[in-house]
Amino acid sequence: MYSHLRYILLFIATISISIHTLKAQISDTLYDNAYNNIDSMLSGVSSLNFRKAVLYTEDTYHEDTLDEDIFDYHIKLYTSICKGIMESGSLEYTEKDVDIAFAQCAVFMFMTDTVDMQFGDKVIQCIPFSYNHDDFAGQKDWSNMFVSTLMETNKGNCHSMSLPL
């Protein structure tokens, strides 16, 4: 009886080690792919794309579970909201750097104020981002440093809230 138990435990241990090894190999492959993609940008082989570099990095950490379409959707939505703020006529400024000032002001308003957006006959409120006081340095969970976490939770820190995607 004990010999059967020993073989069963050995079998379970072997399977466990195999799964761990496979997971490590997948993680290594994800890391290598992200590294190679970013390296090709930095070496001029492909064009620089900060948004993709952030996505590659965060997706590797999340073991290839981030959805690029959702990531892009958020960026396009945020861009659209900021453009709407710029075009709303609610900003007043007449100096020669008006375009830059309006863009910076729109981003600031989007990130810090509740913004009412008109969609047909409906008004939707965009709630501002807030600071993640619980884990601002990512000590509990490193993903709290990520843009994808900011998009998911509306909470961020000095790192994730300042990245110009």
Protein backbone atom coordinates (compact mmCIF):
# COMPACT_ATOMS: atom_id res chain seq x y z
CA MET A 1 0.00 0.00 0.00
CA TYR A 2 2.79 2.41 0.88
CA SER A 3 4.56 1.71 -2.42
CA HIS A 4 1.40 2.68 -4.36
CA LEU A 5 1.10 5.86 -2.33
CA ARG A 6 4.75 6.66 -3.02
CA TYR A 7 4.21 6.22 -6.78
CA ILE A 8 1.10 8.39 -6.68
CA LEU A 9 2.98 11.13 -4.81
CA LEU A 10 5.89 10.84 -7.24
CA PHE A 11 3.49 11.09 -10.17
CA ILE A 12 1.81 14.20 -8.68
CA ALA A 13 5.20 15.80 -8.01
CA THR A 14 6.33 15.08 -11.58
CA ILE A 15 3.17 16.61 -13.04
CA SER A 16 3.52 19.64 -10.76
CA ILE A 17 7.15 20.19 -11.80
CA SER A 18 6.23 19.76 -15.47
CA ILE A 19 3.46 22.36 -15.21
CA HIS A 20 5.78 24.79 -13.41
CA THR A 21 8.50 24.26 -16.06
CA LEU A 22 6.02 24.79 -18.89
CA LYS A 23 4.72 27.96 -17.28
CA ALA A 24 8.28 29.25 -16.87
CA GLN A 25 9.00 28.51 -20.54
CA ILE A 26 5.87 30.38 -21.63
CA SER A 27 6.84 33.34 -19.43
CA ASP A 28 10.35 33.32 -20.92
CA THR A 29 8.88 33.32 -24.43
CA LEU A 30 6.54 36.22 -23.59
CA TYR A 31 9.42 38.16 -22.10
CA ASP A 32 11.65 37.45 -25.12
CA ASN A 33 8.91 38.55 -27.52
CA ALA A 34 8.29 41.79 -25.63
CA TYR A 35 12.02 42.47 -25.38
CA ASN A 36 12.56 41.82 -29.10
CA ASN A 37 9.61 44.03 -30.10
CA ILE A 38 10.81 46.92 -27.96
CA ASP A 39 14.42 46.40 -29.03
CA SER A 40 13.38 46.57 -32.70
CA MET A 41 11.71 49.93 -32.00
CA LEU A 42 14.77 51.29 -30.23
CA SER A 43 17.17 50.05 -32.90
CA GLY A 44 15.14 51.60 -35.74
CA VAL A 45 13.97 48.32 -37.27
CA SER A 46 10.36 49.25 -36.54
CA SER A 47 8.85 52.63 -35.76
CA LEU A 48 8.77 53.89 -32.21
CA ASN A 49 5.40 53.34 -30.57
CA PHE A 50 5.20 54.17 -26.88
CA ARG A 51 1.65 52.77 -26.55
CA LYS A 52 2.77 49.41 -27.91
CA ALA A 53 5.86 49.37 -25.68
CA VAL A 54 3.65 49.89 -22.63
CA LEU A 55 1.23 47.22 -23.85
CA TYR A 56 4.06 44.71 -24.51
CA THR A 57 5.46 45.28 -21.03
CA GLU A 58 2.17 45.06 -19.17
CA ASP A 59 0.88 42.13 -21.23
CA THR A 60 4.05 40.18 -20.46
CA TYR A 61 3.54 40.78 -16.75
CA HIS A 62 -0.09 39.64 -17.10
CA GLU A 63 1.04 36.51 -19.00
CA ASP A 64 -0.54 37.48 -22.32
CA THR A 65 -4.04 38.09 -20.95
CA LEU A 66 -4.46 41.76 -21.85
CA ASP A 67 -6.73 42.44 -24.78
CA GLU A 68 -5.08 44.93 -27.15
CA ASP A 69 -8.47 45.92 -28.60
CA ILE A 70 -9.78 46.88 -25.15
CA PHE A 71 -6.53 48.72 -24.37
CA ASP A 72 -6.85 50.66 -27.65
CA TYR A 73 -10.57 51.27 -27.08
CA HIS A 74 -9.83 53.03 -23.80
CA ILE A 75 -7.15 55.20 -25.38
CA LYS A 76 -9.43 56.15 -28.28
CA LEU A 77 -12.30 56.89 -25.89
CA TYR A 78 -10.10 59.06 -23.67
CA THR A 79 -8.74 60.86 -26.74
CA SER A 80 -12.26 61.49 -28.01
CA ILE A 81 -13.35 62.89 -24.66
CA CYS A 82 -10.34 65.22 -24.52
CA LYS A 83 -11.01 66.41 -28.08
CA GLY A 84 -14.62 67.04 -27.10
CA ILE A 85 -13.49 69.17 -24.17
CA MET A 86 -11.17 71.13 -26.47
CA GLU A 87 -13.95 71.73 -28.98
CA SER A 88 -16.65 72.51 -26.41
CA GLY A 89 -15.91 76.23 -26.34
CA SER A 90 -15.64 76.16 -22.57
CA LEU A 91 -11.91 76.90 -22.64
CA GLU A 92 -10.76 80.48 -23.00
CA TYR A 93 -7.19 81.29 -23.93
CA THR A 94 -5.78 83.56 -26.64
CA GLU A 95 -2.00 83.28 -26.49
CA LYS A 96 0.06 81.91 -29.40
CA ASP A 97 0.37 78.44 -27.79
CA VAL A 98 -3.40 78.03 -27.72
CA ASP A 99 -3.40 74.52 -29.25
CA ILE A 100 -0.93 73.15 -26.71
CA ALA A 101 -2.66 74.92 -23.83
CA PHE A 102 -6.09 73.61 -24.87
CA ALA A 103 -4.77 70.04 -25.17
CA GLN A 104 -3.10 70.17 -21.75
CA CYS A 105 -6.16 71.76 -20.16
CA ALA A 106 -8.48 69.17 -21.73
CA VAL A 107 -6.37 66.28 -20.42
CA PHE A 108 -6.25 67.89 -16.98
CA MET A 109 -10.02 68.41 -16.93
CA PHE A 110 -10.65 64.84 -18.14
CA MET A 111 -8.42 63.37 -15.46
CA THR A 112 -9.55 65.54 -12.53
CA ASP A 113 -13.15 66.67 -13.15
CA THR A 114 -16.45 64.95 -13.74
CA VAL A 115 -17.11 65.57 -17.42
CA ASP A 116 -20.61 65.45 -18.88
CA MET A 117 -20.67 63.93 -22.37
CA GLN A 118 -23.66 64.22 -24.67
CA PHE A 119 -24.50 61.07 -26.66
CA GLY A 120 -27.64 61.69 -28.66
CA ASP A 121 -30.32 62.52 -26.11
CA LYS A 122 -28.35 61.02 -23.21
CA VAL A 123 -25.79 62.66 -20.96
CA ILE A 124 -23.13 60.37 -19.56
CA GLN A 125 -20.79 61.43 -16.80
CA CYS A 126 -17.13 60.52 -17.03
CA ILE A 127 -15.85 60.13 -13.50
CA PRO A 128 -12.34 61.49 -12.89
CA PHE A 129 -9.38 59.33 -12.06
CA SER A 130 -8.30 59.12 -8.44
CA TYR A 131 -5.04 58.41 -6.73
CA ASN A 132 -4.46 54.86 -5.51
CA HIS A 133 -3.66 55.56 -1.87
CA ASP A 134 -3.87 51.88 -0.96
CA ASP A 135 -0.89 50.73 -3.04
CA PHE A 136 0.61 53.77 -4.74
CA ALA A 137 4.08 52.19 -5.01
CA GLY A 138 2.93 48.79 -6.25
CA GLN A 139 4.28 47.01 -3.17
CA LYS A 140 1.19 44.85 -2.73
CA ASP A 141 0.63 44.30 -6.44
CA TRP A 142 3.09 45.57 -9.05
CA SER A 143 0.29 45.85 -11.62
CA ASN A 144 -0.99 48.86 -9.65
CA MET A 145 1.78 50.72 -11.49
CA PHE A 146 0.21 49.94 -14.87
CA VAL A 147 -1.84 51.95 -17.32
CA SER A 148 -4.09 48.91 -17.86
CA THR A 149 -4.93 48.92 -14.14
CA LEU A 150 -5.69 52.65 -14.30
CA MET A 151 -8.05 51.96 -17.20
CA GLU A 152 -9.74 49.12 -15.36
CA THR A 153 -10.09 50.72 -11.92
CA ASN A 154 -9.92 54.48 -12.58
CA LYS A 155 -7.22 54.57 -9.91
CA GLY A 156 -3.57 55.20 -10.56
CA ASN A 157 -0.37 56.70 -9.29
CA CYS A 158 2.29 59.16 -10.42
CA HIS A 159 3.57 56.56 -12.89
CA SER A 160 0.41 55.32 -14.57
CA MET A 161 -1.38 58.66 -14.58
CA SER A 162 1.46 60.52 -16.24
CA LEU A 163 2.22 58.26 -19.20
CA PRO A 164 1.41 60.09 -22.44
CA LEU A 165 -0.03 57.29 -24.53
